[in-house]
Amino acid sequence: MSCDLLSLATPGVAGIMPYQPGKPIEELERELGLRDIIKLASNENPLGPSPAVWQALAEYKDLLRYPDGNGFLLKQALAKFHGIDASQITLGNGSNDILDLVPRAFATEGDETLFARHAFAIYPIVTQAVGARPVEVPARNFGHDLEAMAEAINARTKVIFIANPNNPTGTWLRAAELEAFMQRVPENVIVLMDQAYYEYVQEPEYPNCIPWVERYPNLVVTRTFSKVYGLAAVRVGYSVSHPDVADLLNRVRQPFNVNSVALRLAEVALGDQAHIERCREFNADGLRRLAEGLDSMGIHFIPSVANFVCVDLQQPTGEIYQKLLREGVIVRPIAGYGMPNHLRVTVGLPEENRHFLKSLAKVLSR
């Protein structure tokens, strides 16, 4: 073939560095022939979904029909849960889907989006895909510098991405500082507040931004069922926004983007908040125990309010990551986030957390 197919791509797409997901257990089994592998790389809930969800999955039978393209029942459940109107909700194939819809609806060539250094890698990818320019704002203490972000806004800015808590660092922003920032953002700039880890946070000054949509029509708040709800495999998330914004997002949303099983399981999961509270407390205990273990080894880490901790090994982590793989431990190297000395580690089951700490101590002593 003489044609350079890559040259046919738009400049934005050609320049994208593909997102690198966490290493699957099955891949490590094939590569090294290991068994009893633990995966602490992708911020999944080790407790999994509610027992009611498993029951609903066992009872689900209707696989021959297309999903409800409007997701009526899940939207009604979410509207009741949050005290909002269903017209404010956009459903996505995970909240990641919404992150893609927003720049497609509001940005194009010549426009810019803003996001913080060390923030979620998807933000520049979805920006470049529509031909817009991603603008990375320097971080402050591995978190968002809202003052710098406000100063970076210009006439070309169309979308601002804020992850609270931030992935991969676990840092968070308080209600007062976010409110002050929102008041500085022009009303013609969309602010996407990515709250994928919202349910894990137990800090009193951490805000639920969904009620803010009434005051700030340019605010889009995203949530997911992939984290604390334990439904990462079926992929369902959503956003809450002004109805006019939701209307625009639904114009570019793919038909049937959320499958029928996901719609049903998410509805059931939302109804079991007692399970979510158990997962929240379980995670808080796991974070404490990981922190204690790392402290006992004199290893630095970034304090986190999510379901992971970002470990600072104060040296490039590539070799350490490979050694951990040979111990049957999958964590997440984050050099691609500008953090070559850090590993992100998900809170696992107690025995998994102990296995990680023991394995880390072993590979560091070699």
Foldseek 3Di string as FASTA:
>chain_A
DPDPVLVVDDPLLSPDDDDDAFDDLVVLCVPQVDPPFDEFAHQFQQVAADPLLVVVVVPDDPPPDFAPQLLVLLLVLVCVVVVHDSLQKDKALWLLRVLLLVCVLWPAAQAEEEEEQLADPVNSSSQSNRNHHYDYFYDDLSAHDLVSVLVPDDPRAAEYEHEALGPPAQDHDFPVVVVVSLVSDDLRHAYEYEDQQVLLFDDPRGDDCLVVQVVRQSYKYKYGCRHLNRPVPQGMIMIGHPSVSSVSSSVPDDGSNHGNSRSVSSSSRSVCVVSSVVSSVQQVVLLVVLVVLCVVVVWDWRDHSGQKIKTFQVDFCPVVQVQVSSLSYTWAQVVVSVRRRIIIGGRHPPVNSVSVSVSSVVSVVD
